[in-house]
Amino acid sequence: MNTVFILFAQTKAGAALEIISLLIVAAVIAYITAWLFYRSVYKKKLQEIESEKDNLKKRIDSLNGEIASLNGEIAGLNGEIAGLNGEIKGLNIEKADLQKSIDDKDQELEL
């Protein structure tokens, strides 16, 4: 700290104030320049991220549409399965009736 006072004592006060003010102005300019540079860098990154987010939203919407379509297909196939199961039950009943009539005829022939 003594060196600062010695510097002030040896130089004129006006020159010292001018040097200090120029250093402050240089620091402010450097700060603003760095702030603008990093803002532009992060702005580009933010735009890239926003673009990627929009693409992902579109992909999600597309996949949700596919899911809905596939769920519709599944529901249709489940209906078909239920219909086929009904046919199988009907055919099994018909088979059982035919088997019973064959057994009845076999018993009549045995008598």
PDB file of N, CA and C in Angstrom:
ATOM      1  N   MET A   1       0.815  -1.172   0.000  1.00  0.00           N
ATOM      2  CA  MET A   1       0.000   0.000   0.000  1.00  0.00           C
ATOM      3  C   MET A   1       0.873   1.255   0.000  1.00  0.00           C
ATOM      4  N   ASN A   2       2.035   1.156   0.656  1.00  0.00           N
ATOM      5  CA  ASN A   2       2.948   2.295   0.704  1.00  0.00           C
ATOM      6  C   ASN A   2       3.437   2.662  -0.691  1.00  0.00           C
ATOM      7  N   THR A   3       3.586   1.677  -1.564  1.00  0.00           N
ATOM      8  CA  THR A   3       4.059   1.967  -2.925  1.00  0.00           C
ATOM      9  C   THR A   3       3.032   2.777  -3.700  1.00  0.00           C
ATOM     10  N   VAL A   4       1.768   2.549  -3.417  1.00  0.00           N
ATOM     11  CA  VAL A   4       0.717   3.327  -4.086  1.00  0.00           C
ATOM     12  C   VAL A   4       0.804   4.778  -3.649  1.00  0.00           C
ATOM     13  N   PHE A   5       0.985   4.979  -2.365  1.00  0.00           N
ATOM     14  CA  PHE A   5       1.107   6.364  -1.869  1.00  0.00           C
ATOM     15  C   PHE A   5       2.366   7.041  -2.411  1.00  0.00           C
ATOM     16  N   ILE A   6       3.432   6.269  -2.511  1.00  0.00           N
ATOM     17  CA  ILE A   6       4.675   6.823  -3.060  1.00  0.00           C
ATOM     18  C   ILE A   6       4.463   7.195  -4.526  1.00  0.00           C
ATOM     19  N   LEU A   7       3.737   6.334  -5.271  1.00  0.00           N
ATOM     20  CA  LEU A   7       3.450   6.601  -6.678  1.00  0.00           C
ATOM     21  C   LEU A   7       2.638   7.878  -6.817  1.00  0.00           C
ATOM     22  N   PHE A   8       1.625   8.027  -5.961  1.00  0.00           N
ATOM     23  CA  PHE A   8       0.816   9.247  -5.993  1.00  0.00           C
ATOM     24  C   PHE A   8       1.652  10.488  -5.643  1.00  0.00           C
ATOM     25  N   ALA A   9       2.537  10.335  -4.723  1.00  0.00           N
ATOM     26  CA  ALA A   9       3.361  11.471  -4.292  1.00  0.00           C
ATOM     27  C   ALA A   9       4.334  11.887  -5.379  1.00  0.00           C
ATOM     28  N   GLN A  10       4.863  10.915  -6.128  1.00  0.00           N
ATOM     29  CA  GLN A  10       5.853  11.221  -7.142  1.00  0.00           C
ATOM     30  C   GLN A  10       5.224  11.724  -8.443  1.00  0.00           C
ATOM     31  N   THR A  11       4.014  11.337  -8.716  1.00  0.00           N
ATOM     32  CA  THR A  11       3.357  11.776  -9.950  1.00  0.00           C
ATOM     33  C   THR A  11       2.331  12.834  -9.624  1.00  0.00           C
ATOM     34  N   LYS A  12       1.877  13.433 -10.640  1.00  0.00           N
ATOM     35  CA  LYS A  12       0.853  14.427 -10.432  1.00  0.00           C
ATOM     36  C   LYS A  12      -0.466  13.719 -10.195  1.00  0.00           C
ATOM     37  N   ALA A  13      -1.277  14.267  -9.386  1.00  0.00           N
ATOM     38  CA  ALA A  13      -2.558  13.647  -9.042  1.00  0.00           C
ATOM     39  C   ALA A  13      -3.447  13.520 -10.263  1.00  0.00           C
ATOM     40  N   GLY A  14      -3.420  14.462 -11.154  1.00  0.00           N
ATOM     41  CA  GLY A  14      -4.249  14.421 -12.364  1.00  0.00           C
ATOM     42  C   GLY A  14      -3.866  13.258 -13.262  1.00  0.00           C
ATOM     43  N   ALA A  15      -2.550  13.031 -13.384  1.00  0.00           N
ATOM     44  CA  ALA A  15      -2.076  11.927 -14.219  1.00  0.00           C
ATOM     45  C   ALA A  15      -2.479  10.587 -13.600  1.00  0.00           C
ATOM     46  N   ALA A  16      -2.386  10.505 -12.287  1.00  0.00           N
ATOM     47  CA  ALA A  16      -2.772   9.265 -11.604  1.00  0.00           C
ATOM     48  C   ALA A  16      -4.262   8.996 -11.782  1.00  0.00           C
ATOM     49  N   LEU A  17      -5.076  10.027 -11.647  1.00  0.00           N
ATOM     50  CA  LEU A  17      -6.518   9.855 -11.839  1.00  0.00           C
ATOM     51  C   LEU A  17      -6.833   9.458 -13.276  1.00  0.00           C
ATOM     52  N   GLU A  18      -6.090  10.037 -14.225  1.00  0.00           N
ATOM     53  CA  GLU A  18      -6.309   9.689 -15.636  1.00  0.00           C
ATOM     54  C   GLU A  18      -5.961   8.230 -15.894  1.00  0.00           C
ATOM     55  N   ILE A  19      -4.870   7.769 -15.338  1.00  0.00           N
ATOM     56  CA  ILE A  19      -4.460   6.366 -15.499  1.00  0.00           C
ATOM     57  C   ILE A  19      -5.499   5.436 -14.878  1.00  0.00           C
ATOM     58  N   ILE A  20      -5.941   5.754 -13.671  1.00  0.00           N
ATOM     59  CA  ILE A  20      -6.942   4.911 -12.994  1.00  0.00           C
ATOM     60  C   ILE A  20      -8.243   4.885 -13.784  1.00  0.00           C
ATOM     61  N   SER A  21      -8.667   6.052 -14.284  1.00  0.00           N
ATOM     62  CA  SER A  21      -9.919   6.077 -15.045  1.00  0.00           C
ATOM     63  C   SER A  21      -9.788   5.296 -16.339  1.00  0.00           C
ATOM     64  N   LEU A  22      -8.636   5.377 -17.001  1.00  0.00           N
ATOM     65  CA  LEU A  22      -8.434   4.601 -18.227  1.00  0.00           C
ATOM     66  C   LEU A  22      -8.416   3.092 -17.929  1.00  0.00           C
ATOM     67  N   LEU A  23      -7.833   2.700 -16.817  1.00  0.00           N
ATOM     68  CA  LEU A  23      -7.845   1.281 -16.427  1.00  0.00           C
ATOM     69  C   LEU A  23      -9.270   0.804 -16.149  1.00  0.00           C
ATOM     70  N   ILE A  24     -10.066   1.647 -15.500  1.00  0.00           N
ATOM     71  CA  ILE A  24     -11.463   1.281 -15.216  1.00  0.00           C
ATOM     72  C   ILE A  24     -12.245   1.150 -16.519  1.00  0.00           C
ATOM     73  N   VAL A  25     -12.042   2.087 -17.436  1.00  0.00           N
ATOM     74  CA  VAL A  25     -12.731   2.018 -18.737  1.00  0.00           C
ATOM     75  C   VAL A  25     -12.316   0.757 -19.491  1.00  0.00           C
ATOM     76  N   ALA A  26     -11.023   0.424 -19.471  1.00  0.00           N
ATOM     77  CA  ALA A  26     -10.539  -0.786 -20.148  1.00  0.00           C
ATOM     78  C   ALA A  26     -11.170  -2.031 -19.523  1.00  0.00           C
ATOM     79  N   ALA A  27     -11.297  -2.061 -18.206  1.00  0.00           N
ATOM     80  CA  ALA A  27     -11.904  -3.205 -17.526  1.00  0.00           C
ATOM     81  C   ALA A  27     -13.376  -3.330 -17.905  1.00  0.00           C
ATOM     82  N   VAL A  28     -14.073  -2.205 -17.968  1.00  0.00           N
ATOM     83  CA  VAL A  28     -15.497  -2.237 -18.345  1.00  0.00           C
ATOM     84  C   VAL A  28     -15.649  -2.717 -19.781  1.00  0.00           C
ATOM     85  N   ILE A  29     -14.823  -2.222 -20.681  1.00  0.00           N
ATOM     86  CA  ILE A  29     -14.882  -2.667 -22.079  1.00  0.00           C
ATOM     87  C   ILE A  29     -14.603  -4.163 -22.185  1.00  0.00           C
ATOM     88  N   ALA A  30     -13.602  -4.641 -21.450  1.00  0.00           N
ATOM     89  CA  ALA A  30     -13.270  -6.070 -21.466  1.00  0.00           C
ATOM     90  C   ALA A  30     -14.434  -6.892 -20.926  1.00  0.00           C
ATOM     91  N   TYR A  31     -15.055  -6.415 -19.852  1.00  0.00           N
ATOM     92  CA  TYR A  31     -16.190  -7.146 -19.263  1.00  0.00           C
ATOM     93  C   TYR A  31     -17.347  -7.215 -20.245  1.00  0.00           C
ATOM     94  N   ILE A  32     -17.679  -6.090 -20.871  1.00  0.00           N
ATOM     95  CA  ILE A  32     -18.802  -6.061 -21.820  1.00  0.00           C
ATOM     96  C   ILE A  32     -18.508  -6.945 -23.030  1.00  0.00           C
ATOM     97  N   THR A  33     -17.293  -6.893 -23.534  1.00  0.00           N
ATOM     98  CA  THR A  33     -16.912  -7.723 -24.673  1.00  0.00           C
ATOM     99  C   THR A  33     -17.022  -9.208 -24.333  1.00  0.00           C
ATOM    100  N   ALA A  34     -16.501  -9.588 -23.183  1.00  0.00           N
ATOM    101  CA  ALA A  34     -16.593 -10.993 -22.761  1.00  0.00           C
ATOM    102  C   ALA A  34     -18.042 -11.405 -22.572  1.00  0.00           C
ATOM    103  N   TRP A  35     -18.854 -10.530 -21.987  1.00  0.00           N
ATOM    104  CA  TRP A  35     -20.268 -10.834 -21.761  1.00  0.00           C
ATOM    105  C   TRP A  35     -20.989 -11.031 -23.084  1.00  0.00           C
ATOM    106  N   LEU A  36     -20.738 -10.162 -24.060  1.00  0.00           N
ATOM    107  CA  LEU A  36     -21.373 -10.293 -25.376  1.00  0.00           C
ATOM    108  C   LEU A  36     -20.919 -11.555 -26.099  1.00  0.00           C
ATOM    109  N   PHE A  37     -19.634 -11.885 -25.975  1.00  0.00           N
ATOM    110  CA  PHE A  37     -19.123 -13.096 -26.619  1.00  0.00           C
ATOM    111  C   PHE A  37     -19.783 -14.338 -26.047  1.00  0.00           C
ATOM    112  N   TYR A  38     -19.795 -14.457 -24.734  1.00  0.00           N
ATOM    113  CA  TYR A  38     -20.397 -15.641 -24.118  1.00  0.00           C
ATOM    114  C   TYR A  38     -21.894 -15.692 -24.347  1.00  0.00           C
ATOM    115  N   ARG A  39     -22.534 -14.533 -24.394  1.00  0.00           N
ATOM    116  CA  ARG A  39     -23.972 -14.498 -24.676  1.00  0.00           C
ATOM    117  C   ARG A  39     -24.239 -15.040 -26.077  1.00  0.00           C
ATOM    118  N   SER A  40     -23.397 -14.663 -27.048  1.00  0.00           N
ATOM    119  CA  SER A  40     -23.597 -15.163 -28.416  1.00  0.00           C
ATOM    120  C   SER A  40     -23.340 -16.664 -28.483  1.00  0.00           C
ATOM    121  N   VAL A  41     -22.326 -17.138 -27.744  1.00  0.00           N
ATOM    122  CA  VAL A  41     -22.030 -18.568 -27.728  1.00  0.00           C
ATOM    123  C   VAL A  41     -23.206 -19.334 -27.127  1.00  0.00           C
ATOM    124  N   TYR A  42     -23.700 -18.887 -25.992  1.00  0.00           N
ATOM    125  CA  TYR A  42     -24.795 -19.586 -25.334  1.00  0.00           C
ATOM    126  C   TYR A  42     -26.104 -19.424 -26.103  1.00  0.00           C
ATOM    127  N   LYS A  43     -26.239 -18.304 -26.832  1.00  0.00           N
ATOM    128  CA  LYS A  43     -27.431 -18.113 -27.638  1.00  0.00           C
ATOM    129  C   LYS A  43     -27.478 -19.154 -28.748  1.00  0.00           C
ATOM    130  N   LYS A  44     -26.317 -19.427 -29.372  1.00  0.00           N
ATOM    131  CA  LYS A  44     -26.250 -20.463 -30.405  1.00  0.00           C
ATOM    132  C   LYS A  44     -26.575 -21.831 -29.825  1.00  0.00           C
ATOM    133  N   LYS A  45     -26.017 -22.122 -28.664  1.00  0.00           N
ATOM    134  CA  LYS A  45     -26.301 -23.410 -28.019  1.00  0.00           C
ATOM    135  C   LYS A  45     -27.771 -23.518 -27.657  1.00  0.00           C
ATOM    136  N   LEU A  46     -28.346 -22.431 -27.182  1.00  0.00           N
ATOM    137  CA  LEU A  46     -29.765 -22.421 -26.828  1.00  0.00           C
ATOM    138  C   LEU A  46     -30.625 -22.655 -28.060  1.00  0.00           C
ATOM    139  N   GLN A  47     -30.254 -22.052 -29.189  1.00  0.00           N
ATOM    140  CA  GLN A  47     -30.999 -22.267 -30.428  1.00  0.00           C
ATOM    141  C   GLN A  47     -30.896 -23.718 -30.872  1.00  0.00           C
ATOM    142  N   GLU A  48     -29.724 -24.314 -30.747  1.00  0.00           N
ATOM    143  CA  GLU A  48     -29.551 -25.720 -31.100  1.00  0.00           C
ATOM    144  C   GLU A  48     -30.413 -26.607 -30.213  1.00  0.00           C
ATOM    145  N   ILE A  49     -30.432 -26.326 -28.928  1.00  0.00           N
ATOM    146  CA  ILE A  49     -31.221 -27.117 -27.992  1.00  0.00           C
ATOM    147  C   ILE A  49     -32.707 -26.953 -28.274  1.00  0.00           C
ATOM    148  N   GLU A  50     -33.141 -25.728 -28.569  1.00  0.00           N
ATOM    149  CA  GLU A  50     -34.556 -25.488 -28.901  1.00  0.00           C
ATOM    150  C   GLU A  50     -34.945 -26.246 -30.164  1.00  0.00           C
ATOM    151  N   SER A  51     -34.064 -26.246 -31.153  1.00  0.00           N
ATOM    152  CA  SER A  51     -34.325 -26.967 -32.397  1.00  0.00           C
ATOM    153  C   SER A  51     -34.436 -28.462 -32.134  1.00  0.00           C
ATOM    154  N   GLU A  52     -33.538 -28.986 -31.324  1.00  0.00           N
ATOM    155  CA  GLU A  52     -33.575 -30.412 -30.978  1.00  0.00           C
ATOM    156  C   GLU A  52     -34.848 -30.740 -30.200  1.00  0.00           C
ATOM    157  N   LYS A  53     -35.243 -29.827 -29.307  1.00  0.00           N
ATOM    158  CA  LYS A  53     -36.471 -30.028 -28.537  1.00  0.00           C
ATOM    159  C   LYS A  53     -37.682 -30.077 -29.463  1.00  0.00           C
ATOM    160  N   ASP A  54     -37.732 -29.181 -30.450  1.00  0.00           N
ATOM    161  CA  ASP A  54     -38.839 -29.179 -31.401  1.00  0.00           C
ATOM    162  C   ASP A  54     -38.871 -30.469 -32.208  1.00  0.00           C
ATOM    163  N   ASN A  55     -37.703 -30.940 -32.633  1.00  0.00           N
ATOM    164  CA  ASN A  55     -37.637 -32.203 -33.377  1.00  0.00           C
ATOM    165  C   ASN A  55     -38.115 -33.365 -32.522  1.00  0.00           C
ATOM    166  N   LEU A  56     -37.729 -33.379 -31.256  1.00  0.00           N
ATOM    167  CA  LEU A  56     -38.148 -34.456 -30.360  1.00  0.00           C
ATOM    168  C   LEU A  56     -39.657 -34.404 -30.109  1.00  0.00           C
ATOM    169  N   LYS A  57     -40.221 -33.182 -30.011  1.00  0.00           N
ATOM    170  CA  LYS A  57     -41.672 -33.061 -29.840  1.00  0.00           C
ATOM    171  C   LYS A  57     -42.403 -33.617 -31.056  1.00  0.00           C
ATOM    172  N   LYS A  58     -41.890 -33.306 -32.254  1.00  0.00           N
ATOM    173  CA  LYS A  58     -42.502 -33.834 -33.473  1.00  0.00           C
ATOM    174  C   LYS A  58     -42.416 -35.356 -33.493  1.00  0.00           C
ATOM    175  N   ARG A  59     -41.279 -35.891 -33.079  1.00  0.00           N
ATOM    176  CA  ARG A  59     -41.112 -37.347 -33.063  1.00  0.00           C
ATOM    177  C   ARG A  59     -42.055 -37.991 -32.048  1.00  0.00           C
ATOM    178  N   ILE A  60     -42.224 -37.341 -30.891  1.00  0.00           N
ATOM    179  CA  ILE A  60     -43.147 -37.851 -29.876  1.00  0.00           C
ATOM    180  C   ILE A  60     -44.564 -37.867 -30.422  1.00  0.00           C
ATOM    181  N   ASP A  61     -44.961 -36.781 -31.090  1.00  0.00           N
ATOM    182  CA  ASP A  61     -46.301 -36.725 -31.678  1.00  0.00           C
ATOM    183  C   ASP A  61     -46.489 -37.831 -32.710  1.00  0.00           C
ATOM    184  N   SER A  62     -45.465 -38.043 -33.535  1.00  0.00           N
ATOM    185  CA  SER A  62     -45.524 -39.097 -34.545  1.00  0.00           C
ATOM    186  C   SER A  62     -45.660 -40.475 -33.894  1.00  0.00           C
ATOM    187  N   LEU A  63     -44.860 -40.701 -32.856  1.00  0.00           N
ATOM    188  CA  LEU A  63     -44.919 -42.001 -32.170  1.00  0.00           C
ATOM    189  C   LEU A  63     -46.251 -42.191 -31.445  1.00  0.00           C
ATOM    190  N   ASN A  64     -46.804 -41.107 -30.887  1.00  0.00           N
ATOM    191  CA  ASN A  64     -48.113 -41.214 -30.248  1.00  0.00           C
ATOM    192  C   ASN A  64     -49.181 -41.578 -31.278  1.00  0.00           C
ATOM    193  N   GLY A  65     -49.079 -41.025 -32.489  1.00  0.00           N
ATOM    194  CA  GLY A  65     -50.001 -41.398 -33.562  1.00  0.00           C
ATOM    195  C   GLY A  65     -49.871 -42.864 -33.930  1.00  0.00           C
ATOM    196  N   GLU A  66     -48.627 -43.330 -34.015  1.00  0.00           N
ATOM    197  CA  GLU A  66     -48.400 -44.752 -34.310  1.00  0.00           C
ATOM    198  C   GLU A  66     -48.965 -45.639 -33.203  1.00  0.00           C
ATOM    199  N   ILE A  67     -48.802 -45.214 -31.961  1.00  0.00           N
ATOM    200  CA  ILE A  67     -49.322 -45.991 -30.827  1.00  0.00           C
ATOM    201  C   ILE A  67     -50.836 -46.081 -30.916  1.00  0.00           C
ATOM    202  N   ALA A  68     -51.474 -44.963 -31.225  1.00  0.00           N
ATOM    203  CA  ALA A  68     -52.934 -44.960 -31.343  1.00  0.00           C
ATOM    204  C   ALA A  68     -53.382 -45.876 -32.473  1.00  0.00           C
ATOM    205  N   SER A  69     -52.671 -45.825 -33.595  1.00  0.00           N
ATOM    206  CA  SER A  69     -53.000 -46.686 -34.732  1.00  0.00           C
ATOM    207  C   SER A  69     -52.849 -48.166 -34.362  1.00  0.00           C
ATOM    208  N   LEU A  70     -51.746 -48.479 -33.704  1.00  0.00           N
ATOM    209  CA  LEU A  70     -51.507 -49.873 -33.308  1.00  0.00           C
ATOM    210  C   LEU A  70     -52.526 -50.340 -32.268  1.00  0.00           C
ATOM    211  N   ASN A  71     -52.924 -49.449 -31.355  1.00  0.00           N
ATOM    212  CA  ASN A  71     -53.951 -49.818 -30.385  1.00  0.00           C
ATOM    213  C   ASN A  71     -55.273 -50.112 -31.085  1.00  0.00           C
ATOM    214  N   GLY A  72     -55.587 -49.353 -32.134  1.00  0.00           N
ATOM    215  CA  GLY A  72     -56.787 -49.628 -32.919  1.00  0.00           C
ATOM    216  C   GLY A  72     -56.715 -50.981 -33.600  1.00  0.00           C
ATOM    217  N   GLU A  73     -55.548 -51.282 -34.168  1.00  0.00           N
ATOM    218  CA  GLU A  73     -55.357 -52.589 -34.796  1.00  0.00           C
ATOM    219  C   GLU A  73     -55.500 -53.710 -33.778  1.00  0.00           C
ATOM    220  N   ILE A  74     -54.940 -53.516 -32.604  1.00  0.00           N
ATOM    221  CA  ILE A  74     -55.032 -54.531 -31.542  1.00  0.00           C
ATOM    222  C   ILE A  74     -56.488 -54.763 -31.165  1.00  0.00           C
ATOM    223  N   ALA A  75     -57.245 -53.675 -31.036  1.00  0.00           N
ATOM    224  CA  ALA A  75     -58.658 -53.812 -30.680  1.00  0.00           C
ATOM    225  C   ALA A  75     -59.405 -54.589 -31.761  1.00  0.00           C
ATOM    226  N   GLY A  76     -59.102 -54.302 -33.035  1.00  0.00           N
ATOM    227  CA  GLY A  76     -59.731 -55.046 -34.132  1.00  0.00           C
ATOM    228  C   GLY A  76     -59.367 -56.519 -34.099  1.00  0.00           C
ATOM    229  N   LEU A  77     -58.106 -56.801 -33.857  1.00  0.00           N
ATOM    230  CA  LEU A  77     -57.661 -58.203 -33.787  1.00  0.00           C
ATOM    231  C   LEU A  77     -58.265 -58.920 -32.580  1.00  0.00           C
ATOM    232  N   ASN A  78     -58.414 -58.203 -31.465  1.00  0.00           N
ATOM    233  CA  ASN A  78     -59.061 -58.819 -30.300  1.00  0.00           C
ATOM    234  C   ASN A  78     -60.508 -59.168 -30.613  1.00  0.00           C
ATOM    235  N   GLY A  79     -61.175 -58.311 -31.377  1.00  0.00           N
ATOM    236  CA  GLY A  79     -62.550 -58.609 -31.799  1.00  0.00           C
ATOM    237  C   GLY A  79     -62.591 -59.841 -32.686  1.00  0.00           C
ATOM    238  N   GLU A  80     -61.613 -59.921 -33.606  1.00  0.00           N
ATOM    239  CA  GLU A  80     -61.538 -61.104 -34.472  1.00  0.00           C
ATOM    240  C   GLU A  80     -61.298 -62.364 -33.650  1.00  0.00           C
ATOM    241  N   ILE A  81     -60.406 -62.266 -32.680  1.00  0.00           N
ATOM    242  CA  ILE A  81     -60.104 -63.422 -31.813  1.00  0.00           C
ATOM    243  C   ILE A  81     -61.358 -63.857 -31.074  1.00  0.00           C
ATOM    244  N   ALA A  82     -62.107 -62.900 -30.552  1.00  0.00           N
ATOM    245  CA  ALA A  82     -63.335 -63.240 -29.830  1.00  0.00           C
ATOM    246  C   ALA A  82     -64.326 -63.936 -30.762  1.00  0.00           C
ATOM    247  N   GLY A  83     -64.434 -63.431 -31.999  1.00  0.00           N
ATOM    248  CA  GLY A  83     -65.323 -64.072 -32.974  1.00  0.00           C
ATOM    249  C   GLY A  83     -64.880 -65.488 -33.302  1.00  0.00           C
ATOM    250  N   LEU A  84     -63.589 -65.674 -33.506  1.00  0.00           N
ATOM    251  CA  LEU A  84     -63.059 -67.011 -33.812  1.00  0.00           C
ATOM    252  C   LEU A  84     -63.232 -67.956 -32.624  1.00  0.00           C
ATOM    253  N   ASN A  85     -63.056 -67.444 -31.409  1.00  0.00           N
ATOM    254  CA  ASN A  85     -63.279 -68.293 -30.225  1.00  0.00           C
ATOM    255  C   ASN A  85     -64.746 -68.726 -30.154  1.00  0.00           C
ATOM    256  N   GLY A  86     -65.651 -67.810 -30.514  1.00  0.00           N
ATOM    257  CA  GLY A  86     -67.069 -68.173 -30.552  1.00  0.00           C
ATOM    258  C   GLY A  86     -67.332 -69.260 -31.586  1.00  0.00           C
ATOM    259  N   GLU A  87     -66.704 -69.140 -32.753  1.00  0.00           N
ATOM    260  CA  GLU A  87     -66.853 -70.168 -33.788  1.00  0.00           C
ATOM    261  C   GLU A  87     -66.314 -71.506 -33.309  1.00  0.00           C
ATOM    262  N   ILE A  88     -65.157 -71.464 -32.617  1.00  0.00           N
ATOM    263  CA  ILE A  88     -64.559 -72.707 -32.099  1.00  0.00           C
ATOM    264  C   ILE A  88     -65.508 -73.370 -31.108  1.00  0.00           C
ATOM    265  N   LYS A  89     -66.105 -72.586 -30.220  1.00  0.00           N
ATOM    266  CA  LYS A  89     -67.051 -73.153 -29.251  1.00  0.00           C
ATOM    267  C   LYS A  89     -68.252 -73.765 -29.964  1.00  0.00           C
ATOM    268  N   GLY A  90     -68.738 -73.059 -30.990  1.00  0.00           N
ATOM    269  CA  GLY A  90     -69.868 -73.603 -31.762  1.00  0.00           C
ATOM    270  C   GLY A  90     -69.498 -74.893 -32.450  1.00  0.00           C
ATOM    271  N   LEU A  91     -68.302 -74.953 -33.041  1.00  0.00           N
ATOM    272  CA  LEU A  91     -67.850 -76.173 -33.708  1.00  0.00           C
ATOM    273  C   LEU A  91     -67.624 -77.304 -32.709  1.00  0.00           C
ATOM    274  N   ASN A  92     -67.122 -76.961 -31.511  1.00  0.00           N
ATOM    275  CA  ASN A  92     -66.942 -77.996 -30.484  1.00  0.00           C
ATOM    276  C   ASN A  92     -68.289 -78.560 -30.050  1.00  0.00           C
ATOM    277  N   ILE A  93     -69.296 -77.698 -29.910  1.00  0.00           N
ATOM    278  CA  ILE A  93     -70.655 -78.170 -29.551  1.00  0.00           C
ATOM    279  C   ILE A  93     -71.198 -79.059 -30.667  1.00  0.00           C
ATOM    280  N   GLU A  94     -70.996 -78.615 -31.918  1.00  0.00           N
ATOM    281  CA  GLU A  94     -71.468 -79.408 -33.068  1.00  0.00           C
ATOM    282  C   GLU A  94     -70.754 -80.756 -33.107  1.00  0.00           C
ATOM    283  N   LYS A  95     -69.445 -80.741 -32.824  1.00  0.00           N
ATOM    284  CA  LYS A  95     -68.668 -81.984 -32.804  1.00  0.00           C
ATOM    285  C   LYS A  95     -69.190 -82.914 -31.714  1.00  0.00           C
ATOM    286  N   ALA A  96     -69.463 -82.329 -30.543  1.00  0.00           N
ATOM    287  CA  ALA A  96     -69.972 -83.141 -29.443  1.00  0.00           C
ATOM    288  C   ALA A  96     -71.329 -83.738 -29.806  1.00  0.00           C
ATOM    289  N   ASP A  97     -72.202 -82.955 -30.457  1.00  0.00           N
ATOM    290  CA  ASP A  97     -73.510 -83.478 -30.878  1.00  0.00           C
ATOM    291  C   ASP A  97     -73.354 -84.593 -31.901  1.00  0.00           C
ATOM    292  N   LEU A  98     -72.457 -84.433 -32.863  1.00  0.00           N
ATOM    293  CA  LEU A  98     -72.219 -85.469 -33.864  1.00  0.00           C
ATOM    294  C   LEU A  98     -71.649 -86.730 -33.218  1.00  0.00           C
ATOM    295  N   GLN A  99     -70.735 -86.507 -32.269  1.00  0.00           N
ATOM    296  CA  GLN A  99     -70.144 -87.665 -31.589  1.00  0.00           C
ATOM    297  C   GLN A  99     -71.226 -88.412 -30.802  1.00  0.00           C
ATOM    298  N   LYS A 100     -72.120 -87.658 -30.180  1.00  0.00           N
ATOM    299  CA  LYS A 100     -73.204 -88.289 -29.405  1.00  0.00           C
ATOM    300  C   LYS A 100     -74.144 -89.071 -30.325  1.00  0.00           C
ATOM    301  N   SER A 101     -74.451 -88.482 -31.487  1.00  0.00           N
ATOM    302  CA  SER A 101     -75.347 -89.198 -32.411  1.00  0.00           C
ATOM    303  C   SER A 101     -74.662 -90.434 -32.969  1.00  0.00           C
ATOM    304  N   ILE A 102     -73.345 -90.375 -33.208  1.00  0.00           N
ATOM    305  CA  ILE A 102     -72.613 -91.550 -33.674  1.00  0.00           C
ATOM    306  C   ILE A 102     -72.623 -92.625 -32.589  1.00  0.00           C
ATOM    307  N   ASP A 103     -72.405 -92.196 -31.332  1.00  0.00           N
ATOM    308  CA  ASP A 103     -72.416 -93.162 -30.230  1.00  0.00           C
ATOM    309  C   ASP A 103     -73.803 -93.784 -30.081  1.00  0.00           C
ATOM    310  N   ASP A 104     -74.852 -92.977 -30.240  1.00  0.00           N
ATOM    311  CA  ASP A 104     -76.221 -93.505 -30.143  1.00  0.00           C
ATOM    312  C   ASP A 104     -76.488 -94.515 -31.255  1.00  0.00           C
ATOM    313  N   LYS A 105     -76.032 -94.248 -32.465  1.00  0.00           N
ATOM    314  CA  LYS A 105     -76.226 -95.170 -33.582  1.00  0.00           C
ATOM    315  C   LYS A 105     -75.434 -96.456 -33.362  1.00  0.00           C
ATOM    316  N   ASP A 106     -74.231 -96.316 -32.785  1.00  0.00           N
ATOM    317  CA  ASP A 106     -73.431 -97.507 -32.513  1.00  0.00           C
ATOM    318  C   ASP A 106     -74.139 -98.381 -31.470  1.00  0.00           C
ATOM    319  N   GLN A 107     -74.757 -97.758 -30.474  1.00  0.00           N
ATOM    320  CA  GLN A 107     -75.474 -98.518 -29.450  1.00  0.00           C
ATOM    321  C   GLN A 107     -76.701 -99.193 -30.062  1.00  0.00           C
ATOM    322  N   GLU A 108     -77.377 -98.544 -30.991  1.00  0.00           N
ATOM    323  CA  GLU A 108     -78.555 -99.129 -31.636  1.00  0.00           C
ATOM    324  C   GLU A 108     -78.133-100.327 -32.476  1.00  0.00           C
ATOM    325  N   LEU A 109     -76.982-100.219 -33.129  1.00  0.00           N
ATOM    326  CA  LEU A 109     -76.513-101.322 -33.958  1.00  0.00           C
ATOM    327  C   LEU A 109     -76.077-102.505 -33.108  1.00  0.00           C
ATOM    328  N   GLU A 110     -75.585-102.240 -31.941  1.00  0.00           N
ATOM    329  CA  GLU A 110     -75.156-103.316 -31.071  1.00  0.00           C
ATOM    330  C   GLU A 110     -76.355-104.087 -30.540  1.00  0.00           C
ATOM    331  N   LEU A 111     -77.447-103.448 -30.394  1.00  0.00           N
ATOM    332  CA  LEU A 111     -78.647-104.110 -29.868  1.00  0.00           C
ATOM    333  C   LEU A 111     -79.238-104.913 -30.941  1.00  0.00           C
TER     334      LEU A 111
END
